PDB file of all heavy atoms in Angstrom:
ATOM      1  N   LYS A   1     146.397  99.197 140.970  1.00  0.00           N
ATOM      2  CA  LYS A   1     145.463  99.096 142.058  1.00  0.00           C
ATOM      3  C   LYS A   1     145.656 100.224 143.130  1.00  0.00           C
ATOM      4  O   LYS A   1     144.734 100.741 143.689  1.00  0.00           O
ATOM      5  CB  LYS A   1     145.616  97.778 142.788  1.00  0.00           C
ATOM      6  CG  LYS A   1     146.844  97.523 143.495  1.00  0.00           C
ATOM      7  CD  LYS A   1     146.905  96.190 144.232  1.00  0.00           C
ATOM      8  CE  LYS A   1     148.219  95.980 144.951  1.00  0.00           C
ATOM      9  NZ  LYS A   1     148.272  94.698 145.669  1.00  0.00           N
ATOM     10  N   ASP A   2     146.883 100.706 143.239  1.00  0.00           N
ATOM     11  CA  ASP A   2     147.098 101.804 144.267  1.00  0.00           C
ATOM     12  C   ASP A   2     146.658 103.180 143.851  1.00  0.00           C
ATOM     13  O   ASP A   2     146.475 104.094 144.530  1.00  0.00           O
ATOM     14  CB  ASP A   2     148.587 101.877 144.685  1.00  0.00           C
ATOM     15  CG  ASP A   2     149.109 100.675 145.366  1.00  0.00           C
ATOM     16  OD1 ASP A   2     148.253 100.007 145.995  1.00  0.00           O
ATOM     17  OD2 ASP A   2     150.347 100.411 145.431  1.00  0.00           O
ATOM     18  N   GLN A   3     146.210 103.177 142.489  1.00  0.00           N
ATOM     19  CA  GLN A   3     145.616 104.488 141.948  1.00  0.00           C
ATOM     20  C   GLN A   3     144.136 104.365 142.001  1.00  0.00           C
ATOM     21  O   GLN A   3     143.452 105.174 141.528  1.00  0.00           O
ATOM     22  CB  GLN A   3     146.087 104.655 140.549  1.00  0.00           C
ATOM     23  CG  GLN A   3     147.574 104.851 140.396  1.00  0.00           C
ATOM     24  CD  GLN A   3     148.043 105.048 139.000  1.00  0.00           C
ATOM     25  OE1 GLN A   3     147.463 105.841 138.221  1.00  0.00           O
ATOM     26  NE2 GLN A   3     149.038 104.359 138.537  1.00  0.00           N
ATOM     27  N   GLY A   4     143.582 103.340 142.721  1.00  0.00           N
ATOM     28  CA  GLY A   4     142.122 103.259 142.965  1.00  0.00           C
ATOM     29  C   GLY A   4     141.403 102.316 141.914  1.00  0.00           C
ATOM     30  O   GLY A   4     140.172 102.200 141.970  1.00  0.00           O
ATOM     31  N   LEU A   5     142.157 101.677 141.067  1.00  0.00           N
ATOM     32  CA  LEU A   5     141.483 100.765 140.174  1.00  0.00           C
ATOM     33  C   LEU A   5     140.922  99.542 140.822  1.00  0.00           C
ATOM     34  O   LEU A   5     141.604  98.928 141.693  1.00  0.00           O
ATOM     35  CB  LEU A   5     142.524 100.365 139.020  1.00  0.00           C
ATOM     36  CG  LEU A   5     141.929  99.336 137.921  1.00  0.00           C
ATOM     37  CD1 LEU A   5     140.934 100.147 137.002  1.00  0.00           C
ATOM     38  CD2 LEU A   5     143.052  98.789 137.146  1.00  0.00           C
ATOM     39  N   ALA A   6     139.760  99.109 140.440  1.00  0.00           N
ATOM     40  CA  ALA A   6     139.131  97.791 140.982  1.00  0.00           C
ATOM     41  C   ALA A   6     138.953  96.880 139.851  1.00  0.00           C
ATOM     42  O   ALA A   6     138.647  97.247 138.684  1.00  0.00           O
ATOM     43  CB  ALA A   6     137.837  98.148 141.686  1.00  0.00           C
ATOM     44  N   PHE A   7     139.169  95.641 140.101  1.00  0.00           N
ATOM     45  CA  PHE A   7     138.877  94.568 139.178  1.00  0.00           C
ATOM     46  C   PHE A   7     137.898  93.563 139.653  1.00  0.00           C
ATOM     47  O   PHE A   7     137.780  93.280 140.875  1.00  0.00           O
ATOM     48  CB  PHE A   7     140.146  93.713 138.984  1.00  0.00           C
ATOM     49  CG  PHE A   7     140.981  94.001 137.811  1.00  0.00           C
ATOM     50  CD1 PHE A   7     141.519  95.253 137.600  1.00  0.00           C
ATOM     51  CD2 PHE A   7     141.302  93.056 136.838  1.00  0.00           C
ATOM     52  CE1 PHE A   7     142.289  95.559 136.509  1.00  0.00           C
ATOM     53  CE2 PHE A   7     142.108  93.352 135.701  1.00  0.00           C
ATOM     54  CZ  PHE A   7     142.606  94.591 135.598  1.00  0.00           C
ATOM     55  N   LEU A   8     136.947  93.007 138.899  1.00  0.00           N
ATOM     56  CA  LEU A   8     136.047  91.978 139.262  1.00  0.00           C
ATOM     57  C   LEU A   8     136.243  90.909 138.139  1.00  0.00           C
ATOM     58  O   LEU A   8     136.028  91.222 136.897  1.00  0.00           O
ATOM     59  CB  LEU A   8     134.583  92.425 139.352  1.00  0.00           C
ATOM     60  CG  LEU A   8     134.214  93.258 140.537  1.00  0.00           C
ATOM     61  CD1 LEU A   8     132.726  93.640 140.477  1.00  0.00           C
ATOM     62  CD2 LEU A   8     134.529  92.486 141.782  1.00  0.00           C
ATOM     63  N   SER A   9     136.559  89.756 138.586  1.00  0.00           N
ATOM     64  CA  SER A   9     136.836  88.601 137.638  1.00  0.00           C
ATOM     65  C   SER A   9     135.638  87.607 137.672  1.00  0.00           C
ATOM     66  O   SER A   9     135.410  87.082 138.705  1.00  0.00           O
ATOM     67  CB  SER A   9     138.161  87.983 138.034  1.00  0.00           C
ATOM     68  OG  SER A   9     138.443  86.930 137.158  1.00  0.00           O
ATOM     69  N   VAL A  10     134.941  87.492 136.558  1.00  0.00           N
ATOM     70  CA  VAL A  10     133.683  86.764 136.536  1.00  0.00           C
ATOM     71  C   VAL A  10     133.849  85.507 135.730  1.00  0.00           C
ATOM     72  O   VAL A  10     134.081  85.496 134.549  1.00  0.00           O
ATOM     73  CB  VAL A  10     132.536  87.547 136.001  1.00  0.00           C
ATOM     74  CG1 VAL A  10     131.213  86.741 136.018  1.00  0.00           C
ATOM     75  CG2 VAL A  10     132.387  88.887 136.765  1.00  0.00           C
ATOM     76  N   ASN A  11     133.939  84.229 136.425  1.00  0.00           N
ATOM     77  CA  ASN A  11     133.935  82.997 135.707  1.00  0.00           C
ATOM     78  C   ASN A  11     132.539  82.711 135.255  1.00  0.00           C
ATOM     79  O   ASN A  11     131.587  82.613 135.981  1.00  0.00           O
ATOM     80  CB  ASN A  11     134.478  81.958 136.736  1.00  0.00           C
ATOM     81  CG  ASN A  11     134.635  80.568 136.136  1.00  0.00           C
ATOM     82  OD1 ASN A  11     133.909  79.663 136.488  1.00  0.00           O
ATOM     83  ND2 ASN A  11     135.427  80.442 135.087  1.00  0.00           N
ATOM     84  N   VAL A  12     132.542  82.255 133.991  1.00  0.00           N
ATOM     85  CA  VAL A  12     131.132  82.084 133.326  1.00  0.00           C
ATOM     86  C   VAL A  12     130.539  80.805 133.621  1.00  0.00           C
ATOM     87  O   VAL A  12     131.163  79.818 134.133  1.00  0.00           O
ATOM     88  CB  VAL A  12     131.230  82.286 131.787  1.00  0.00           C
ATOM     89  CG1 VAL A  12     131.681  83.802 131.435  1.00  0.00           C
ATOM     90  CG2 VAL A  12     132.353  81.290 131.219  1.00  0.00           C
ATOM     91  N   ALA A  13     129.258  80.711 133.415  1.00  0.00           N
ATOM     92  CA  ALA A  13     128.432  79.565 133.807  1.00  0.00           C
ATOM     93  C   ALA A  13     128.768  78.261 133.024  1.00  0.00           C
ATOM     94  O   ALA A  13     128.605  77.138 133.662  1.00  0.00           O
ATOM     95  CB  ALA A  13     126.917  79.901 133.520  1.00  0.00           C
ATOM     96  N   TRP A  14     129.332  78.382 131.854  1.00  0.00           N
ATOM     97  CA  TRP A  14     129.610  77.110 131.108  1.00  0.00           C
ATOM     98  C   TRP A  14     130.989  76.476 131.548  1.00  0.00           C
ATOM     99  O   TRP A  14     131.413  75.493 131.036  1.00  0.00           O
ATOM    100  CB  TRP A  14     129.616  77.336 129.663  1.00  0.00           C
ATOM    101  CG  TRP A  14     130.416  78.378 129.143  1.00  0.00           C
ATOM    102  CD1 TRP A  14     131.788  78.332 128.627  1.00  0.00           C
ATOM    103  CD2 TRP A  14     130.058  79.768 128.865  1.00  0.00           C
ATOM    104  NE1 TRP A  14     132.270  79.555 128.167  1.00  0.00           N
ATOM    105  CE2 TRP A  14     131.261  80.404 128.264  1.00  0.00           C
ATOM    106  CE3 TRP A  14     128.839  80.484 129.015  1.00  0.00           C
ATOM    107  CZ2 TRP A  14     131.113  81.812 127.926  1.00  0.00           C
ATOM    108  CZ3 TRP A  14     128.828  81.877 128.722  1.00  0.00           C
ATOM    109  CH2 TRP A  14     129.977  82.454 128.058  1.00  0.00           C
ATOM    110  N   ASP A  15     131.659  77.113 132.576  1.00  0.00           N
ATOM    111  CA  ASP A  15     132.871  76.547 133.126  1.00  0.00           C
ATOM    112  C   ASP A  15     132.463  75.725 134.395  1.00  0.00           C
ATOM    113  O   ASP A  15     131.299  75.662 134.705  1.00  0.00           O
ATOM    114  CB  ASP A  15     133.827  77.723 133.489  1.00  0.00           C
ATOM    115  CG  ASP A  15     135.266  77.194 133.543  1.00  0.00           C
ATOM    116  OD1 ASP A  15     135.493  76.028 133.631  1.00  0.00           O
ATOM    117  OD2 ASP A  15     136.164  78.089 133.673  1.00  0.00           O
ATOM    118  N   THR A  16     133.403  75.209 135.098  1.00  0.00           N
ATOM    119  CA  THR A  16     133.137  74.485 136.349  1.00  0.00           C
ATOM    120  C   THR A  16     133.861  75.212 137.538  1.00  0.00           C
ATOM    121  O   THR A  16     134.908  75.904 137.288  1.00  0.00           O
ATOM    122  CB  THR A  16     133.689  73.063 136.238  1.00  0.00           C
ATOM    123  OG1 THR A  16     135.092  73.063 136.179  1.00  0.00           O
ATOM    124  CG2 THR A  16     133.083  72.288 135.107  1.00  0.00           C
ATOM    125  N   GLU A  17     133.335  75.076 138.701  1.00  0.00           N
ATOM    126  CA  GLU A  17     134.002  75.658 139.831  1.00  0.00           C
ATOM    127  C   GLU A  17     135.362  75.124 140.088  1.00  0.00           C
ATOM    128  O   GLU A  17     136.341  75.807 140.441  1.00  0.00           O
ATOM    129  CB  GLU A  17     133.124  75.402 141.164  1.00  0.00           C
ATOM    130  CG  GLU A  17     133.652  76.155 142.341  1.00  0.00           C
ATOM    131  CD  GLU A  17     132.707  76.246 143.521  1.00  0.00           C
ATOM    132  OE1 GLU A  17     131.500  75.859 143.385  1.00  0.00           O
ATOM    133  OE2 GLU A  17     133.205  76.685 144.571  1.00  0.00           O
ATOM    134  N   GLY A  18     135.509  73.824 139.876  1.00  0.00           N
ATOM    135  CA  GLY A  18     136.843  73.123 140.016  1.00  0.00           C
ATOM    136  C   GLY A  18     137.854  73.791 139.023  1.00  0.00           C
ATOM    137  O   GLY A  18     138.963  74.112 139.411  1.00  0.00           O
ATOM    138  N   GLY A  19     137.400  73.970 137.810  1.00  0.00           N
ATOM    139  CA  GLY A  19     138.315  74.559 136.786  1.00  0.00           C
ATOM    140  C   GLY A  19     138.630  76.008 137.177  1.00  0.00           C
ATOM    141  O   GLY A  19     139.811  76.429 136.914  1.00  0.00           O
ATOM    142  N   ALA A  20     137.647  76.740 137.662  1.00  0.00           N
ATOM    143  CA  ALA A  20     137.914  78.117 138.012  1.00  0.00           C
ATOM    144  C   ALA A  20     138.904  78.214 139.119  1.00  0.00           C
ATOM    145  O   ALA A  20     139.818  79.054 139.109  1.00  0.00           O
ATOM    146  CB  ALA A  20     136.523  78.798 138.458  1.00  0.00           C
ATOM    147  N   LYS A  21     138.799  77.310 140.156  1.00  0.00           N
ATOM    148  CA  LYS A  21     139.768  77.382 141.318  1.00  0.00           C
ATOM    149  C   LYS A  21     141.226  77.095 140.777  1.00  0.00           C
ATOM    150  O   LYS A  21     142.160  77.698 141.262  1.00  0.00           O
ATOM    151  CB  LYS A  21     139.301  76.501 142.436  1.00  0.00           C
ATOM    152  CG  LYS A  21     138.128  76.946 143.141  1.00  0.00           C
ATOM    153  CD  LYS A  21     137.669  75.999 144.255  1.00  0.00           C
ATOM    154  CE  LYS A  21     136.518  76.693 145.025  1.00  0.00           C
ATOM    155  NZ  LYS A  21     135.952  75.791 146.044  1.00  0.00           N
ATOM    156  N   LYS A  22     141.344  75.993 139.981  1.00  0.00           N
ATOM    157  CA  LYS A  22     142.683  75.786 139.428  1.00  0.00           C
ATOM    158  C   LYS A  22     143.222  76.900 138.634  1.00  0.00           C
ATOM    159  O   LYS A  22     144.396  77.115 138.703  1.00  0.00           O
ATOM    160  CB  LYS A  22     142.519  74.440 138.595  1.00  0.00           C
ATOM    161  CG  LYS A  22     142.394  73.241 139.386  1.00  0.00           C
ATOM    162  CD  LYS A  22     142.262  71.956 138.435  1.00  0.00           C
ATOM    163  CE  LYS A  22     141.864  70.760 139.291  1.00  0.00           C
ATOM    164  NZ  LYS A  22     141.615  69.547 138.501  1.00  0.00           N
ATOM    165  N   PHE A  23     142.369  77.584 137.883  1.00  0.00           N
ATOM    166  CA  PHE A  23     142.871  78.623 137.080  1.00  0.00           C
ATOM    167  C   PHE A  23     143.343  79.746 137.939  1.00  0.00           C
ATOM    168  O   PHE A  23     144.409  80.371 137.677  1.00  0.00           O
ATOM    169  CB  PHE A  23     141.621  79.111 136.164  1.00  0.00           C
ATOM    170  CG  PHE A  23     142.003  80.156 135.176  1.00  0.00           C
ATOM    171  CD1 PHE A  23     142.279  79.820 133.838  1.00  0.00           C
ATOM    172  CD2 PHE A  23     141.877  81.541 135.505  1.00  0.00           C
ATOM    173  CE1 PHE A  23     142.566  80.828 132.851  1.00  0.00           C
ATOM    174  CE2 PHE A  23     142.170  82.499 134.570  1.00  0.00           C
ATOM    175  CZ  PHE A  23     142.487  82.157 133.252  1.00  0.00           C
ATOM    176  N   VAL A  24     142.671  80.085 138.926  1.00  0.00           N
ATOM    177  CA  VAL A  24     143.025  81.162 139.950  1.00  0.00           C
ATOM    178  C   VAL A  24     144.317  80.873 140.537  1.00  0.00           C
ATOM    179  O   VAL A  24     145.249  81.764 140.663  1.00  0.00           O
ATOM    180  CB  VAL A  24     141.905  81.490 140.888  1.00  0.00           C
ATOM    181  CG1 VAL A  24     142.374  82.387 142.041  1.00  0.00           C
ATOM    182  CG2 VAL A  24     140.709  81.965 140.311  1.00  0.00           C
ATOM    183  N   GLU A  25     144.559  79.603 141.014  1.00  0.00           N
ATOM    184  CA  GLU A  25     145.730  79.239 141.609  1.00  0.00           C
ATOM    185  C   GLU A  25     146.938  79.181 140.600  1.00  0.00           C
ATOM    186  O   GLU A  25     148.043  79.692 140.913  1.00  0.00           O
ATOM    187  CB  GLU A  25     145.652  77.795 142.175  1.00  0.00           C
ATOM    188  CG  GLU A  25     144.679  77.692 143.432  1.00  0.00           C
ATOM    189  CD  GLU A  25     144.444  76.276 143.795  1.00  0.00           C
ATOM    190  OE1 GLU A  25     145.069  75.353 143.385  1.00  0.00           O
ATOM    191  OE2 GLU A  25     143.461  76.088 144.691  1.00  0.00           O
ATOM    192  N   ALA A  26     146.644  78.706 139.430  1.00  0.00           N
ATOM    193  CA  ALA A  26     147.734  78.577 138.421  1.00  0.00           C
ATOM    194  C   ALA A  26     148.247  80.010 137.940  1.00  0.00           C
ATOM    195  O   ALA A  26     149.388  80.217 137.777  1.00  0.00           O
ATOM    196  CB  ALA A  26     147.212  77.878 137.186  1.00  0.00           C
ATOM    197  N   TYR A  27     147.317  81.043 137.953  1.00  0.00           N
ATOM    198  CA  TYR A  27     147.770  82.365 137.477  1.00  0.00           C
ATOM    199  C   TYR A  27     147.869  83.320 138.571  1.00  0.00           C
ATOM    200  O   TYR A  27     148.119  84.462 138.312  1.00  0.00           O
ATOM    201  CB  TYR A  27     146.803  82.829 136.408  1.00  0.00           C
ATOM    202  CG  TYR A  27     146.853  82.039 135.096  1.00  0.00           C
ATOM    203  CD1 TYR A  27     145.857  81.114 134.830  1.00  0.00           C
ATOM    204  CD2 TYR A  27     147.984  82.092 134.246  1.00  0.00           C
ATOM    205  CE1 TYR A  27     145.963  80.320 133.714  1.00  0.00           C
ATOM    206  CE2 TYR A  27     148.070  81.262 133.115  1.00  0.00           C
ATOM    207  CZ  TYR A  27     147.081  80.435 132.819  1.00  0.00           C
ATOM    208  OH  TYR A  27     147.121  79.641 131.692  1.00  0.00           O
ATOM    209  N   HIS A  28     147.744  82.942 139.853  1.00  0.00           N
ATOM    210  CA  HIS A  28     147.858  83.734 141.023  1.00  0.00           C
ATOM    211  C   HIS A  28     147.072  85.026 140.918  1.00  0.00           C
ATOM    212  O   HIS A  28     147.669  86.103 141.022  1.00  0.00           O
ATOM    213  CB  HIS A  28     149.418  84.028 141.355  1.00  0.00           C
ATOM    214  CG  HIS A  28     150.195  82.817 141.324  1.00  0.00           C
ATOM    215  ND1 HIS A  28     150.133  81.896 142.405  1.00  0.00           N
ATOM    216  CD2 HIS A  28     151.119  82.334 140.428  1.00  0.00           C
ATOM    217  CE1 HIS A  28     151.010  80.894 142.155  1.00  0.00           C
ATOM    218  NE2 HIS A  28     151.602  81.093 140.956  1.00  0.00           N
ATOM    219  N   LEU A  29     145.818  84.929 140.565  1.00  0.00           N
ATOM    220  CA  LEU A  29     145.072  86.129 140.322  1.00  0.00           C
ATOM    221  C   LEU A  29     144.866  86.823 141.637  1.00  0.00           C
ATOM    222  O   LEU A  29     144.303  86.288 142.629  1.00  0.00           O
ATOM    223  CB  LEU A  29     143.654  85.736 139.730  1.00  0.00           C
ATOM    224  CG  LEU A  29     143.647  85.059 138.331  1.00  0.00           C
ATOM    225  CD1 LEU A  29     142.347  84.833 137.786  1.00  0.00           C
ATOM    226  CD2 LEU A  29     144.562  85.859 137.378  1.00  0.00           C
ATOM    227  N   PRO A  30     145.268  88.202 141.658  1.00  0.00           N
ATOM    228  CA  PRO A  30     145.267  88.952 142.959  1.00  0.00           C
ATOM    229  C   PRO A  30     143.979  89.748 143.292  1.00  0.00           C
ATOM    230  O   PRO A  30     143.894  90.420 144.192  1.00  0.00           O
ATOM    231  CB  PRO A  30     146.454  89.817 142.773  1.00  0.00           C
ATOM    232  CG  PRO A  30     146.463  90.079 141.354  1.00  0.00           C
ATOM    233  CD  PRO A  30     145.965  88.876 140.636  1.00  0.00           C
ATOM    234  N   PHE A  31     143.058  89.652 142.352  1.00  0.00           N
ATOM    235  CA  PHE A  31     141.813  90.453 142.480  1.00  0.00           C
ATOM    236  C   PHE A  31     140.652  89.523 142.807  1.00  0.00           C
ATOM    237  O   PHE A  31     140.776  88.279 142.668  1.00  0.00           O
ATOM    238  CB  PHE A  31     141.533  91.353 141.207  1.00  0.00           C
ATOM    239  CG  PHE A  31     141.956  90.571 139.916  1.00  0.00           C
ATOM    240  CD1 PHE A  31     141.129  89.559 139.432  1.00  0.00           C
ATOM    241  CD2 PHE A  31     143.055  90.976 139.268  1.00  0.00           C
ATOM    242  CE1 PHE A  31     141.533  88.867 138.256  1.00  0.00           C
ATOM    243  CE2 PHE A  31     143.470  90.315 138.045  1.00  0.00           C
ATOM    244  CZ  PHE A  31     142.654  89.235 137.594  1.00  0.00           C
ATOM    245  N   PRO A  32     139.464  90.126 143.202  1.00  0.00           N
ATOM    246  CA  PRO A  32     138.282  89.278 143.439  1.00  0.00           C
ATOM    247  C   PRO A  32     137.807  88.482 142.289  1.00  0.00           C
ATOM    248  O   PRO A  32     137.597  89.000 141.199  1.00  0.00           O
ATOM    249  CB  PRO A  32     137.279  90.370 143.918  1.00  0.00           C
ATOM    250  CG  PRO A  32     137.973  91.529 144.271  1.00  0.00           C
ATOM    251  CD  PRO A  32     139.193  91.515 143.425  1.00  0.00           C
ATOM    252  N   VAL A  33     137.616  87.158 142.546  1.00  0.00           N
ATOM    253  CA  VAL A  33     137.137  86.301 141.529  1.00  0.00           C
ATOM    254  C   VAL A  33     135.988  85.596 141.975  1.00  0.00           C
ATOM    255  O   VAL A  33     135.941  85.020 143.125  1.00  0.00           O
ATOM    256  CB  VAL A  33     138.248  85.223 141.195  1.00  0.00           C
ATOM    257  CG1 VAL A  33     137.831  84.294 140.042  1.00  0.00           C
ATOM    258  CG2 VAL A  33     139.482  85.922 140.773  1.00  0.00           C
ATOM    259  N   GLY A  34     134.840  85.533 141.200  1.00  0.00           N
ATOM    260  CA  GLY A  34     133.657  84.763 141.487  1.00  0.00           C
ATOM    261  C   GLY A  34     133.045  84.087 140.392  1.00  0.00           C
ATOM    262  O   GLY A  34     133.516  84.265 139.268  1.00  0.00           O
ATOM    263  N   ARG A  35     132.064  83.194 140.622  1.00  0.00           N
ATOM    264  CA  ARG A  35     131.464  82.444 139.599  1.00  0.00           C
ATOM    265  C   ARG A  35     130.083  83.049 139.250  1.00  0.00           C
ATOM    266  O   ARG A  35     129.275  83.375 140.188  1.00  0.00           O
ATOM    267  CB  ARG A  35     131.244  81.075 139.996  1.00  0.00           C
ATOM    268  CG  ARG A  35     132.538  80.251 140.122  1.00  0.00           C
ATOM    269  CD  ARG A  35     132.637  78.974 139.377  1.00  0.00           C
ATOM    270  NE  ARG A  35     131.537  78.266 139.043  1.00  0.00           N
ATOM    271  CZ  ARG A  35     131.038  78.006 137.774  1.00  0.00           C
ATOM    272  NH1 ARG A  35     131.656  78.571 136.786  1.00  0.00           N
ATOM    273  NH2 ARG A  35     130.000  77.278 137.599  1.00  0.00           N
ATOM    274  N   ASP A  36     129.693  83.123 138.010  1.00  0.00           N
ATOM    275  CA  ASP A  36     128.352  83.439 137.555  1.00  0.00           C
ATOM    276  C   ASP A  36     127.652  82.097 137.171  1.00  0.00           C
ATOM    277  O   ASP A  36     127.339  81.883 136.055  1.00  0.00           O
ATOM    278  CB  ASP A  36     128.464  84.346 136.349  1.00  0.00           C
ATOM    279  CG  ASP A  36     127.112  84.809 135.829  1.00  0.00           C
ATOM    280  OD1 ASP A  36     126.123  84.766 136.600  1.00  0.00           O
ATOM    281  OD2 ASP A  36     127.039  85.159 134.668  1.00  0.00           O
TER     282      ASP A  36
END
């Protein structure tokens, strides 16, 4: 990331928002995460 790399993490439509939030917390995802 300090070399300028950007990440976008896209949770797909067939998942749930609750499942996505638990996943992000469980794996401590440090980059922007959103739902499609």
